[in-house]
C-alpha atoms as a PDB file:
ATOM      1  CA  MET A   1      23.004   3.322 -21.900  1.00  0.00           C
ATOM      2  CA  LEU A   2      20.607   5.908 -21.179  1.00  0.00           C
ATOM      3  CA  GLY A   3      22.194   9.058 -21.317  1.00  0.00           C
ATOM      4  CA  PHE A   4      23.749   7.361 -24.927  1.00  0.00           C
ATOM      5  CA  LEU A   5      20.715   7.228 -26.236  1.00  0.00           C
ATOM      6  CA  LEU A   6      19.656  10.646 -25.244  1.00  0.00           C
ATOM      7  CA  ARG A   7      22.319  11.772 -27.293  1.00  0.00           C
ATOM      8  CA  ARG A   8      21.757  10.201 -30.229  1.00  0.00           C
ATOM      9  CA  LEU A   9      18.295  11.718 -30.733  1.00  0.00           C
ATOM     10  CA  PRO A  10      17.610  15.254 -32.728  1.00  0.00           C
ATOM     11  CA  PHE A  11      17.872  18.007 -30.852  1.00  0.00           C
ATOM     12  CA  TRP A  12      14.315  18.396 -31.258  1.00  0.00           C
ATOM     13  CA  VAL A  13      13.324  15.658 -29.598  1.00  0.00           C
ATOM     14  CA  ARG A  14      15.818  15.395 -27.077  1.00  0.00           C
ATOM     15  CA  GLU A  15      15.286  19.012 -25.358  1.00  0.00           C
ATOM     16  CA  PRO A  16      11.662  18.937 -25.467  1.00  0.00           C
ATOM     17  CA  LEU A  17      11.925  15.015 -23.904  1.00  0.00           C
ATOM     18  CA  LEU A  18      13.898  16.101 -21.087  1.00  0.00           C
ATOM     19  CA  ILE A  19      11.734  19.292 -20.618  1.00  0.00           C
ATOM     20  CA  VAL A  20       8.615  17.114 -20.072  1.00  0.00           C
ATOM     21  CA  VAL A  21      10.272  14.652 -18.064  1.00  0.00           C
ATOM     22  CA  GLY A  22      11.949  17.150 -15.485  1.00  0.00           C
ATOM     23  CA  SER A  23       8.930  19.396 -14.979  1.00  0.00           C
ATOM     24  CA  VAL A  24       6.325  16.689 -14.491  1.00  0.00           C
ATOM     25  CA  LEU A  25       9.121  14.684 -12.065  1.00  0.00           C
ATOM     26  CA  GLY A  26       9.721  18.240 -10.367  1.00  0.00           C
ATOM     27  CA  ALA A  27       6.132  18.650 -10.022  1.00  0.00           C
ATOM     28  CA  ARG A  28       5.354  15.305  -9.130  1.00  0.00           C
ATOM     29  CA  LEU A  29       8.255  15.122  -6.332  1.00  0.00           C
ATOM     30  CA  ILE A  30       6.977  18.401  -4.628  1.00  0.00           C
ATOM     31  CA  TYR A  31       3.375  17.625  -4.645  1.00  0.00           C
ATOM     32  CA  LEU A  32       4.449  14.269  -2.728  1.00  0.00           C
ATOM     33  CA  ALA A  33       6.569  16.329  -0.327  1.00  0.00           C
ATOM     34  CA  LEU A  34       3.706  18.942   0.899  1.00  0.00           C
ATOM     35  CA  HIS A  35       1.175  16.374   0.948  1.00  0.00           C
ATOM     36  CA  ASP A  36       3.887  13.750   3.323  1.00  0.00           C
ATOM     37  CA  GLU A  37       5.581  16.908   4.856  1.00  0.00           C
ATOM     38  CA  GLU A  38       8.952  15.664   3.560  1.00  0.00           C
ATOM     39  CA  TRP A  39      10.832  18.126   2.638  1.00  0.00           C
ATOM     40  CA  VAL A  40      14.499  15.868   0.990  1.00  0.00           C
ATOM     41  CA  PRO A  41      11.584  15.012  -2.256  1.00  0.00           C
ATOM     42  CA  ALA A  42      10.872  18.541  -2.359  1.00  0.00           C
ATOM     43  CA  GLY A  43      14.672  19.447  -2.819  1.00  0.00           C
ATOM     44  CA  ILE A  44      14.747  16.665  -5.455  1.00  0.00           C
ATOM     45  CA  GLY A  45      11.724  18.341  -7.311  1.00  0.00           C
ATOM     46  CA  VAL A  46      13.751  21.409  -7.369  1.00  0.00           C
ATOM     47  CA  ALA A  47      16.689  20.144  -9.045  1.00  0.00           C
ATOM     48  CA  PHE A  48      14.321  18.537 -11.623  1.00  0.00           C
ATOM     49  CA  LEU A  49      12.653  21.973 -12.219  1.00  0.00           C
ATOM     50  CA  VAL A  50      15.925  23.876 -12.630  1.00  0.00           C
ATOM     51  CA  PHE A  51      17.246  21.683 -14.960  1.00  0.00           C
ATOM     52  CA  THR A  52      13.710  21.810 -16.628  1.00  0.00           C
ATOM     53  CA  VAL A  53      14.247  26.087 -16.850  1.00  0.00           C
ATOM     54  CA  VAL A  54      18.291  25.262 -18.233  1.00  0.00           C
ATOM     55  CA  ARG A  55      16.442  23.351 -20.788  1.00  0.00           C
ATOM     56  CA  VAL A  56      13.695  25.415 -21.893  1.00  0.00           C
ATOM     57  CA  HIS A  57      16.585  28.403 -22.178  1.00  0.00           C
ATOM     58  CA  LEU A  58      19.019  26.469 -24.311  1.00  0.00           C
ATOM     59  CA  VAL A  59      15.462  25.845 -26.759  1.00  0.00           C
ATOM     60  CA  VAL A  60      14.312  29.302 -26.789  1.00  0.00           C
ATOM     61  CA  ARG A  61      17.921  30.123 -28.128  1.00  0.00           C
ATOM     62  CA  ALA A  62      17.945  27.644 -30.415  1.00  0.00           C
ATOM     63  CA  LEU A  63      14.687  28.803 -31.669  1.00  0.00           C
ATOM     64  CA  ARG A  64      15.797  32.814 -31.975  1.00  0.00           C
ATOM     65  CA  ALA A  65      19.186  31.486 -33.928  1.00  0.00           C
ATOM     66  CA  ARG A  66      17.331  29.810 -36.481  1.00  0.00           C
ATOM     67  CA  GLY A  67      14.776  33.067 -37.085  1.00  0.00           C
ATOM     68  CA  ASN A  68      17.999  34.957 -37.565  1.00  0.00           C
ATOM     69  CA  PRO A  69      19.263  35.965 -41.150  1.00  0.00           C
ATOM     70  CA  GLY A  70      22.787  34.171 -42.562  1.00  0.00           C
ATOM     71  CA  PRO A  71      25.919  35.117 -41.817  1.00  0.00           C
ATOM     72  CA  ALA A  72      26.427  38.145 -44.305  1.00  0.00           C
ATOM     73  CA  ALA A  73      23.429  40.085 -43.263  1.00  0.00           C
ATOM     74  CA  ALA A  74      24.058  38.602 -39.494  1.00  0.00           C
ATOM     75  CA  GLU A  75      27.546  40.650 -39.789  1.00  0.00           C
ATOM     76  CA  GLY A  76      25.292  43.800 -40.964  1.00  0.00           C
ATOM     77  CA  GLY A  77      27.987  44.430 -43.827  1.00  0.00           C
ATOM     78  CA  PRO A  78      27.108  47.043 -46.698  1.00  0.00           C
ATOM     79  CA  VAL A  79      25.279  45.137 -49.419  1.00  0.00           C
ATOM     80  CA  SER A  80      25.282  46.670 -52.780  1.00  0.00           C
ATOM     81  CA  GLU A  81      23.692  47.926 -55.238  1.00  0.00           C
ATOM     82  CA  ALA A  82      24.333  45.315 -57.728  1.00  0.00           C
ATOM     83  CA  ALA A  83      24.279  42.502 -55.671  1.00  0.00           C
ATOM     84  CA  ALA A  84      20.450  44.026 -54.709  1.00  0.00           C
ATOM     85  CA  GLN A  85      19.559  43.814 -58.218  1.00  0.00           C
ATOM     86  CA  PRO A  86      18.057  40.769 -59.726  1.00  0.00           C
ATOM     87  CA  GLN A  87      20.131  38.615 -62.316  1.00  0.00           C
ATOM     88  CA  PRO A  88      19.171  38.262 -65.588  1.00  0.00           C
ATOM     89  CA  GLN A  89      20.636  34.250 -65.176  1.00  0.00           C
ATOM     90  CA  PRO A  90      20.297  32.233 -62.089  1.00  0.00           C
ATOM     91  CA  GLN A  91      23.597  31.189 -60.485  1.00  0.00           C
ATOM     92  CA  PRO A  92      24.830  27.771 -61.070  1.00  0.00           C
ATOM     93  CA  GLN A  93      25.782  27.443 -57.472  1.00  0.00           C
ATOM     94  CA  ALA A  94      24.499  30.271 -54.403  1.00  0.00           C
ATOM     95  CA  PRO A  95      27.010  32.067 -53.291  1.00  0.00           C
ATOM     96  CA  ALA A  96      28.868  31.444 -49.775  1.00  0.00           C
ATOM     97  CA  GLY A  97      26.630  33.556 -47.856  1.00  0.00           C
ATOM     98  CA  GLN A  98      23.342  33.370 -49.518  1.00  0.00           C
ATOM     99  CA  ARG A  99      20.838  31.965 -47.724  1.00  0.00           C
ATOM    100  CA  PRO A 100      19.192  28.938 -49.008  1.00  0.00           C
ATOM    101  CA  THR A 101      16.033  28.765 -51.257  1.00  0.00           C
ATOM    102  CA  PRO A 102      13.117  28.413 -50.965  1.00  0.00           C
ATOM    103  CA  ALA A 103      13.003  24.550 -51.953  1.00  0.00           C
ATOM    104  CA  ALA A 104      15.693  23.673 -50.028  1.00  0.00           C
ATOM    105  CA  ALA A 105      14.441  25.051 -46.954  1.00  0.00           C
ATOM    106  CA  GLU A 106      11.129  22.867 -47.203  1.00  0.00           C
ATOM    107  CA  LYS A 107      13.687  20.109 -47.240  1.00  0.00           C
ATOM    108  CA  GLU A 108      14.847  20.624 -43.840  1.00  0.00           C
ATOM    109  CA  PRO A 109      13.218  19.020 -41.083  1.00  0.00           C
ATOM    110  CA  ASN A 110      10.660  21.341 -39.687  1.00  0.00           C
ATOM    111  CA  ALA A 111      11.771  22.847 -35.896  1.00  0.00           C
ATOM    112  CA  TRP A 112       8.622  23.117 -34.630  1.00  0.00           C
ATOM    113  CA  GLY A 113       6.758  19.542 -35.974  1.00  0.00           C
ATOM    114  CA  GLN A 114       9.080  17.850 -34.161  1.00  0.00           C
ATOM    115  CA  ALA A 115       9.174  19.590 -30.376  1.00  0.00           C
ATOM    116  CA  ALA A 116       4.994  19.735 -30.823  1.00  0.00           C
ATOM    117  CA  ALA A 117       5.450  15.736 -31.534  1.00  0.00           C
ATOM    118  CA  ALA A 118       7.972  14.984 -28.599  1.00  0.00           C
ATOM    119  CA  VAL A 119       5.734  17.009 -26.229  1.00  0.00           C
ATOM    120  CA  ALA A 120       2.741  15.700 -27.162  1.00  0.00           C
ATOM    121  CA  LEU A 121       4.081  11.669 -26.889  1.00  0.00           C
ATOM    122  CA  PHE A 122       6.065  12.826 -23.482  1.00  0.00           C
ATOM    123  CA  ALA A 123       3.152  15.118 -22.175  1.00  0.00           C
ATOM    124  CA  ALA A 124       1.076  11.702 -22.734  1.00  0.00           C
ATOM    125  CA  ILE A 125       3.868   9.668 -20.771  1.00  0.00           C
ATOM    126  CA  GLY A 126       3.583  12.279 -17.700  1.00  0.00           C
ATOM    127  CA  ALA A 127       0.213  12.221 -17.554  1.00  0.00           C
ATOM    128  CA  VAL A 128      -0.079   8.474 -16.989  1.00  0.00           C
ATOM    129  CA  LEU A 129       3.134   8.624 -14.126  1.00  0.00           C
ATOM    130  CA  TRP A 130       1.075  11.817 -12.524  1.00  0.00           C
ATOM    131  CA  LEU A 131      -2.138   9.724 -12.575  1.00  0.00           C
ATOM    132  CA  GLU A 132      -1.299   6.503 -11.455  1.00  0.00           C
ATOM    133  CA  PRO A 133      -2.109   6.283  -7.962  1.00  0.00           C
ATOM    134  CA  GLU A 134      -5.987   6.932  -9.772  1.00  0.00           C
ATOM    135  CA  LEU A 135      -5.691   4.694 -12.099  1.00  0.00           C
ATOM    136  CA  LEU A 136      -4.645   1.401 -10.552  1.00  0.00           C
ATOM    137  CA  PRO A 137      -7.842  -0.375  -8.382  1.00  0.00           C
ATOM    138  CA  SER A 138      -8.639   1.211  -5.389  1.00  0.00           C
ATOM    139  CA  GLN A 139      -7.796  -1.163  -2.385  1.00  0.00           C
ATOM    140  CA  ASP A 140     -10.313  -0.426  -0.204  1.00  0.00           C
ATOM    141  CA  ALA A 141     -11.880  -2.413   2.568  1.00  0.00           C
ATOM    142  CA  GLY A 142     -14.912  -3.800   0.156  1.00  0.00           C
ATOM    143  CA  THR A 143     -12.601  -5.017  -2.334  1.00  0.00           C
ATOM    144  CA  PRO A 144     -10.735  -8.347  -2.033  1.00  0.00           C
ATOM    145  CA  GLN A 145      -7.013  -6.733  -2.141  1.00  0.00           C
ATOM    146  CA  ALA A 146      -7.610  -5.150   1.271  1.00  0.00           C
ATOM    147  CA  ALA A 147      -6.965  -8.885   2.673  1.00  0.00           C
ATOM    148  CA  ALA A 148      -3.076  -8.943   1.394  1.00  0.00           C
ATOM    149  CA  ALA A 149      -2.112 -11.520   3.837  1.00  0.00           C
ATOM    150  CA  SER A 150      -4.166 -15.810   3.096  1.00  0.00           C
ATOM    151  CA  CYS A 151      -3.942 -18.012   5.415  1.00  0.00           C
ATOM    152  CA  ALA A 152      -1.360 -20.703   5.279  1.00  0.00           C
ATOM    153  CA  SER A 153      -3.171 -23.888   5.389  1.00  0.00           C
ATOM    154  CA  THR A 154      -2.470 -26.810   7.497  1.00  0.00           C
ATOM    155  CA  GLU A 155      -4.935 -29.305   6.383  1.00  0.00           C
ATOM    156  CA  GLU A 156      -2.099 -32.345   5.317  1.00  0.00           C
ATOM    157  CA  GLU A 157      -1.415 -32.240   9.392  1.00  0.00           C
ATOM    158  CA  GLU A 158      -3.293 -34.968  11.057  1.00  0.00           C
ATOM    159  CA  LEU A 159      -5.772 -33.256  14.015  1.00  0.00           C
ATOM    160  CA  PRO A 160      -5.379 -33.660  17.056  1.00  0.00           C
ATOM    161  CA  SER A 161      -7.163 -36.882  18.383  1.00  0.00           C
ATOM    162  CA  ALA A 162      -9.186 -33.420  20.743  1.00  0.00           C
ATOM    163  CA  TYR A 163     -10.757 -32.615  17.285  1.00  0.00           C
ATOM    164  CA  ARG A 164     -12.510 -36.318  16.598  1.00  0.00           C
ATOM    165  CA  ARG A 165     -13.773 -36.624  20.493  1.00  0.00           C
ATOM    166  CA  THR A 166     -15.675 -33.151  20.218  1.00  0.00           C
ATOM    167  CA  ALA A 167     -18.963 -33.489  19.453  1.00  0.00           C
ATOM    168  CA  PRO A 168     -20.381 -31.953  17.400  1.00  0.00           C
ATOM    169  CA  ARG A 169     -16.555 -31.433  15.828  1.00  0.00           C
ATOM    170  CA  ALA A 170     -14.973 -28.575  17.064  1.00  0.00           C
ATOM    171  CA  VAL A 171     -13.921 -25.966  14.086  1.00  0.00           C
ATOM    172  CA  THR A 172     -10.096 -25.822  12.571  1.00  0.00           C
ATOM    173  CA  GLY A 173      -7.384 -23.322  13.013  1.00  0.00           C
ATOM    174  CA  ASP A 174      -7.715 -23.051   9.060  1.00  0.00           C
ATOM    175  CA  GLU A 175     -11.525 -22.794   8.928  1.00  0.00           C
ATOM    176  CA  LEU A 176     -11.043 -20.130  11.738  1.00  0.00           C
ATOM    177  CA  CYS A 177      -8.231 -18.137  10.101  1.00  0.00           C
ATOM    178  CA  GLU A 178     -10.845 -17.641   6.578  1.00  0.00           C
ATOM    179  CA  ALA A 179     -13.641 -16.348   8.624  1.00  0.00           C
ATOM    180  CA  LEU A 180     -11.377 -14.159  10.455  1.00  0.00           C
ATOM    181  CA  ASN A 181      -9.529 -12.667   7.658  1.00  0.00           C
ATOM    182  CA  ARG A 182     -12.357 -11.399   5.534  1.00  0.00           C
ATOM    183  CA  SER A 183     -12.084  -8.242   3.673  1.00  0.00           C
ATOM    184  CA  GLY A 184     -14.175  -6.055   6.072  1.00  0.00           C
ATOM    185  CA  LEU A 185     -11.837  -6.549   8.851  1.00  0.00           C
ATOM    186  CA  ALA A 186      -9.632  -3.778   8.413  1.00  0.00           C
ATOM    187  CA  THR A 187     -12.680  -1.304   8.238  1.00  0.00           C
ATOM    188  CA  LEU A 188     -14.353  -3.106  11.581  1.00  0.00           C
ATOM    189  CA  LEU A 189     -11.238  -1.999  13.552  1.00  0.00           C
ATOM    190  CA  GLY A 190     -11.453   1.405  12.404  1.00  0.00           C
ATOM    191  CA  THR A 191      -8.327   1.252   9.615  1.00  0.00           C
ATOM    192  CA  PRO A 192     -10.144   0.649   6.437  1.00  0.00           C
ATOM    193  CA  ALA A 193      -6.874   1.633   4.293  1.00  0.00           C
ATOM    194  CA  GLU A 194      -4.595  -1.367   5.948  1.00  0.00           C
ATOM    195  CA  ARG A 195      -4.257  -4.502   4.567  1.00  0.00           C
ATOM    196  CA  ALA A 196      -3.160  -7.714   6.469  1.00  0.00           C
ATOM    197  CA  THR A 197       0.489  -8.541   6.594  1.00  0.00           C
ATOM    198  CA  SER A 198       0.493 -11.646   8.609  1.00  0.00           C
ATOM    199  CA  ALA A 199      -2.553 -14.695   8.858  1.00  0.00           C
ATOM    200  CA  SER A 200      -2.323 -17.891  10.378  1.00  0.00           C
ATOM    201  CA  GLY A 201      -4.145 -20.529  12.250  1.00  0.00           C
ATOM    202  CA  THR A 202      -3.109 -23.486  14.296  1.00  0.00           C
ATOM    203  CA  SER A 203      -5.046 -26.274  15.323  1.00  0.00           C
ATOM    204  CA  GLY A 204      -4.023 -27.751  18.959  1.00  0.00           C
ATOM    205  CA  THR A 205      -5.230 -28.270  22.213  1.00  0.00           C
ATOM    206  CA  ALA A 206      -5.695 -26.799  25.427  1.00  0.00           C
ATOM    207  CA  PRO A 207      -2.773 -26.371  27.793  1.00  0.00           C
ATOM    208  CA  LEU A 208      -2.815 -28.017  30.989  1.00  0.00           C
ATOM    209  CA  THR A 209      -5.188 -30.445  29.505  1.00  0.00           C
ATOM    210  CA  ASP A 210      -3.326 -33.372  28.156  1.00  0.00           C
ATOM    211  CA  GLY A 211      -4.564 -32.638  24.923  1.00  0.00           C
ATOM    212  CA  LYS A 212      -8.237 -33.671  25.541  1.00  0.00           C
ATOM    213  CA  VAL A 213      -9.648 -30.148  24.576  1.00  0.00           C
ATOM    214  CA  ALA A 214      -9.559 -28.503  21.257  1.00  0.00           C
ATOM    215  CA  GLN A 215      -8.699 -25.204  21.129  1.00  0.00           C
ATOM    216  CA  PRO A 216      -8.057 -23.895  17.930  1.00  0.00           C
ATOM    217  CA  GLU A 217      -6.458 -20.286  16.773  1.00  0.00           C
ATOM    218  CA  ALA A 218      -5.893 -17.866  13.938  1.00  0.00           C
ATOM    219  CA  GLN A 219      -4.247 -14.533  14.184  1.00  0.00           C
ATOM    220  CA  VAL A 220      -4.236 -11.569  11.631  1.00  0.00           C
ATOM    221  CA  ARG A 221      -2.166  -8.697  11.975  1.00  0.00           C
ATOM    222  CA  PHE A 222      -1.975  -5.458  10.672  1.00  0.00           C
ATOM    223  CA  ASP A 223       0.189  -2.463  11.263  1.00  0.00           C
ATOM    224  CA  THR A 224      -1.929  -0.882  13.649  1.00  0.00           C
ATOM    225  CA  TYR A 225      -4.038  -3.699  15.089  1.00  0.00           C
ATOM    226  CA  THR A 226      -3.737  -7.956  15.827  1.00  0.00           C
ATOM    227  CA  VAL A 227      -6.407 -10.086  15.820  1.00  0.00           C
ATOM    228  CA  HIS A 228      -6.793 -13.342  17.909  1.00  0.00           C
ATOM    229  CA  VAL A 229      -9.653 -15.810  17.713  1.00  0.00           C
ATOM    230  CA  SER A 230      -9.369 -19.129  19.902  1.00  0.00           C
ATOM    231  CA  ALA A 231     -12.293 -21.303  20.497  1.00  0.00           C
ATOM    232  CA  THR A 232     -12.018 -23.555  23.754  1.00  0.00           C
ATOM    233  CA  TYR A 233     -13.984 -26.598  23.552  1.00  0.00           C
ATOM    234  CA  ASN A 234     -14.409 -27.586  27.690  1.00  0.00           C
ATOM    235  CA  GLU A 235     -17.133 -27.713  30.027  1.00  0.00           C
ATOM    236  CA  LEU A 236     -16.557 -24.164  31.575  1.00  0.00           C
ATOM    237  CA  SER A 237     -19.680 -21.516  30.580  1.00  0.00           C
ATOM    238  CA  ILE A 238     -19.762 -17.773  30.553  1.00  0.00           C
ATOM    239  CA  ALA A 239     -21.346 -17.599  34.136  1.00  0.00           C
ATOM    240  CA  GLN A 240     -18.314 -19.038  35.446  1.00  0.00           C
ATOM    241  CA  TYR A 241     -16.065 -16.972  33.816  1.00  0.00           C
ATOM    242  CA  VAL A 242     -17.401 -14.161  35.039  1.00  0.00           C
ATOM    243  CA  LYS A 243     -17.022 -15.413  38.302  1.00  0.00           C
ATOM    244  CA  LEU A 244     -13.722 -16.178  38.031  1.00  0.00           C
ATOM    245  CA  MET A 245     -12.930 -12.263  36.409  1.00  0.00           C
ATOM    246  CA  GLU A 246     -13.838 -11.222  39.756  1.00  0.00           C
ATOM    247  CA  PHE A 247     -10.869 -12.364  41.488  1.00  0.00           C
ATOM    248  CA  GLY A 248      -8.699 -11.640  38.731  1.00  0.00           C
ATOM    249  CA  ASP A 249      -7.278  -8.310  37.655  1.00  0.00           C
ATOM    250  CA  GLU A 250      -9.545  -7.643  34.622  1.00  0.00           C
ATOM    251  CA  THR A 251     -10.843  -4.371  34.022  1.00  0.00           C
ATOM    252  CA  GLY A 252     -13.924  -3.231  32.325  1.00  0.00           C
ATOM    253  CA  ILE A 253     -15.978  -6.191  32.501  1.00  0.00           C
ATOM    254  CA  ARG A 254     -19.388  -5.923  30.728  1.00  0.00           C
ATOM    255  CA  THR A 255     -21.646  -8.742  30.071  1.00  0.00           C
ATOM    256  CA  LEU A 256     -24.267  -8.758  27.043  1.00  0.00           C
ATOM    257  CA  SER A 257     -25.483 -11.032  24.643  1.00  0.00           C
ATOM    258  CA  VAL A 258     -24.321 -11.348  21.451  1.00  0.00           C
ATOM    259  CA  HIS A 259     -27.108 -13.263  18.709  1.00  0.00           C
ATOM    260  CA  GLY A 260     -28.860 -14.309  21.371  1.00  0.00           C
ATOM    261  CA  ARG A 261     -25.688 -16.217  23.270  1.00  0.00           C
ATOM    262  CA  PRO A 262     -24.291 -14.727  26.622  1.00  0.00           C
ATOM    263  CA  ALA A 263     -21.057 -12.926  26.387  1.00  0.00           C
ATOM    264  CA  VAL A 264     -18.402 -10.818  28.527  1.00  0.00           C
ATOM    265  CA  LEU A 265     -16.531  -7.502  27.440  1.00  0.00           C
ATOM    266  CA  PHE A 266     -12.843  -7.094  29.253  1.00  0.00           C
ATOM    267  CA  SER A 267      -9.423  -6.379  29.000  1.00  0.00           C
ATOM    268  CA  ASP A 268      -6.375  -7.200  30.863  1.00  0.00           C
ATOM    269  CA  HIS A 269      -2.499  -7.084  29.836  1.00  0.00           C
ATOM    270  CA  THR A 270      -0.719  -9.329  27.262  1.00  0.00           C
ATOM    271  CA  MET A 271       2.024 -10.796  28.380  1.00  0.00           C
ATOM    272  CA  LYS A 272       5.780  -9.824  26.467  1.00  0.00           C
ATOM    273  CA  ILE A 273       8.779 -12.837  26.954  1.00  0.00           C
ATOM    274  CA  GLU A 274      11.878 -11.885  25.790  1.00  0.00           C
ATOM    275  CA  ILE A 275      14.760 -14.321  24.495  1.00  0.00           C
ATOM    276  CA  ASP A 276      17.921 -13.881  24.247  1.00  0.00           C
ATOM    277  CA  LEU A 277      19.843 -16.405  22.127  1.00  0.00           C
ATOM    278  CA  GLY A 278      23.527 -14.412  22.191  1.00  0.00           C
ATOM    279  CA  SER A 279      24.105 -15.076  25.651  1.00  0.00           C
ATOM    280  CA  GLY A 280      23.339 -18.557  25.470  1.00  0.00           C
ATOM    281  CA  GLY A 281      20.124 -18.479  27.533  1.00  0.00           C
ATOM    282  CA  SER A 282      16.758 -20.498  26.343  1.00  0.00           C
ATOM    283  CA  GLY A 283      14.634 -17.580  27.930  1.00  0.00           C
ATOM    284  CA  GLY A 284      13.863 -14.338  29.461  1.00  0.00           C
ATOM    285  CA  PRO A 285      11.660 -12.677  32.203  1.00  0.00           C
ATOM    286  CA  VAL A 286       7.813 -12.576  31.377  1.00  0.00           C
ATOM    287  CA  GLU A 287       6.860  -8.844  31.397  1.00  0.00           C
ATOM    288  CA  GLU A 288       3.630  -7.256  31.197  1.00  0.00           C
ATOM    289  CA  GLY A 289       2.804  -6.352  27.387  1.00  0.00           C
ATOM    290  CA  PRO A 290      -0.255  -3.169  26.422  1.00  0.00           C
ATOM    291  CA  LEU A 291      -3.277  -3.542  27.016  1.00  0.00           C
ATOM    292  CA  ALA A 292      -5.656  -5.485  24.805  1.00  0.00           C
ATOM    293  CA  ARG A 293      -9.445  -5.831  24.900  1.00  0.00           C
ATOM    294  CA  THR A 294     -11.336  -9.608  24.962  1.00  0.00           C
ATOM    295  CA  LEU A 295     -15.077 -10.113  23.784  1.00  0.00           C
ATOM    296  CA  SER A 296     -15.627 -14.324  25.247  1.00  0.00           C
ATOM    297  CA  VAL A 297     -19.060 -15.347  23.320  1.00  0.00           C
ATOM    298  CA  ALA A 298     -20.502 -18.873  24.755  1.00  0.00           C
ATOM    299  CA  LEU A 299     -20.531 -21.873  22.435  1.00  0.00           C
ATOM    300  CA  ASP A 300     -24.138 -21.834  21.930  1.00  0.00           C
ATOM    301  CA  GLY A 301     -27.581 -20.095  23.435  1.00  0.00           C
ATOM    302  CA  GLY A 302     -27.896 -22.169  26.784  1.00  0.00           C
ATOM    303  CA  ASP A 303     -24.151 -21.568  27.778  1.00  0.00           C
ATOM    304  CA  ARG A 304     -23.263 -25.534  28.400  1.00  0.00           C
ATOM    305  CA  GLY A 305     -20.133 -24.774  27.838  1.00  0.00           C
ATOM    306  CA  GLY A 306     -16.979 -23.900  25.761  1.00  0.00           C
ATOM    307  CA  PHE A 307     -16.764 -20.508  24.513  1.00  0.00           C
ATOM    308  CA  PHE A 308     -14.573 -18.552  21.912  1.00  0.00           C
ATOM    309  CA  ASP A 309     -12.294 -15.538  22.361  1.00  0.00           C
ATOM    310  CA  ILE A 310     -12.025 -12.422  20.457  1.00  0.00           C
ATOM    311  CA  THR A 311      -8.789 -10.922  21.099  1.00  0.00           C
ATOM    312  CA  VAL A 312      -7.520  -7.132  20.079  1.00  0.00           C
ATOM    313  CA  TRP A 313      -4.141  -5.327  20.494  1.00  0.00           C
ATOM    314  CA  SER A 314      -1.875  -2.598  19.528  1.00  0.00           C
ATOM    315  CA  ALA A 315       1.759  -2.099  20.250  1.00  0.00           C
ATOM    316  CA  SER A 316       1.228   1.642  21.149  1.00  0.00           C
ATOM    317  CA  GLY A 317      -1.471   0.272  23.913  1.00  0.00           C
ATOM    318  CA  ALA A 318      -4.179   1.669  21.717  1.00  0.00           C
ATOM    319  CA  LEU A 319      -7.816  -0.144  21.234  1.00  0.00           C
ATOM    320  CA  PRO A 320     -10.754   0.275  18.837  1.00  0.00           C
ATOM    321  CA  GLU A 321     -14.250   0.547  20.063  1.00  0.00           C
ATOM    322  CA  ASP A 322     -15.689  -2.481  21.138  1.00  0.00           C
ATOM    323  CA  SER A 323     -17.996  -2.231  18.093  1.00  0.00           C
ATOM    324  CA  ALA A 324     -15.170  -3.711  16.323  1.00  0.00           C
ATOM    325  CA  LEU A 325     -15.422  -6.710  18.468  1.00  0.00           C
ATOM    326  CA  LEU A 326     -18.517  -7.490  18.128  1.00  0.00           C
ATOM    327  CA  GLY A 327     -18.678  -6.993  14.303  1.00  0.00           C
ATOM    328  CA  ILE A 328     -15.803 -10.000  13.969  1.00  0.00           C
ATOM    329  CA  ALA A 329     -17.779 -11.910  16.241  1.00  0.00           C
ATOM    330  CA  GLY A 330     -21.018 -11.652  13.431  1.00  0.00           C
ATOM    331  CA  SER A 331     -18.046 -13.277  11.262  1.00  0.00           C
ATOM    332  CA  ILE A 332     -17.025 -15.874  13.361  1.00  0.00           C
ATOM    333  CA  LEU A 333     -20.360 -17.113  14.862  1.00  0.00           C
ATOM    334  CA  PRO A 334     -22.061 -18.693  11.941  1.00  0.00           C
ATOM    335  CA  VAL A 335     -18.855 -20.844  11.305  1.00  0.00           C
ATOM    336  CA  ILE A 336     -19.043 -21.505  15.112  1.00  0.00           C
ATOM    337  CA  ALA A 337     -22.604 -21.818  15.041  1.00  0.00           C
ATOM    338  CA  GLU A 338     -22.173 -24.588  11.984  1.00  0.00           C
ATOM    339  CA  ARG A 339     -20.933 -26.732  14.329  1.00  0.00           C
ATOM    340  CA  THR A 340     -22.978 -26.612  17.279  1.00  0.00           C
ATOM    341  CA  ALA A 341     -26.443 -26.600  15.696  1.00  0.00           C
END
């Protein structure tokens, strides 16, 4: 269909159109190839430029042909003196080889005008295509668009009884997810150009507690990092938690205070579980996953029990600075403090 429409266009519209489109696309592809260091787009861009050069050559030949004299003069034949002398009376019809009169020439389409109009029109289209990334709204981490994924709401589900028994009331997974999935999260992690690919929150209970301890969780995933937040409403204090770490495999343990609340930073490996459904088995071996960095903060300043964890890891094993976890804690803390005040 596109080829049919192009063939229906006049020559002086079609050819400038092909020249502009070919040159813009060719230059754009080469620019992107050099920027991204990918050579396949560069080859396609060169093909577009070669195609454009061929169209320019055709237009130049057509313009030269329009400037040549009529067939009789073009053949270089002799012109008699009688033919050169002006006739007293105009002939009813112009000879076959005579060039059109000025009046007739004025009625012909203006090739230069058509070409200029086509070039101006499609140059504007090409400029829009070229500047499209700059014309689109910025997707930096300071705008709401930076959080691509939204939290899946579970408000319609009934909360476990542990949430009602917790005094003050425990936060829910939805509330944690909304607090975590902020536009500035990617900036805190040191990857401001990334957008969240998934975000979720669950309102569950801690394992091995018979459903008596509320433990809401939330997780936001980026291309580089994954951030997991959980709050555990038990009687374990941060001081007791640090003593337990001394008997574990945690590394990089550092105690500190976060907004007047006892806290501890430590590193530990995540767990990797493989499930092979094709062999008929229900599970696979538990392997050691990538290293993760965790910040645990007491639910209250008196460290009377309960804490929330912020854990960050990546598939490559790279970890952000500890300041990133402290910044995330600053966004989670108001939600926690609203319940514990």
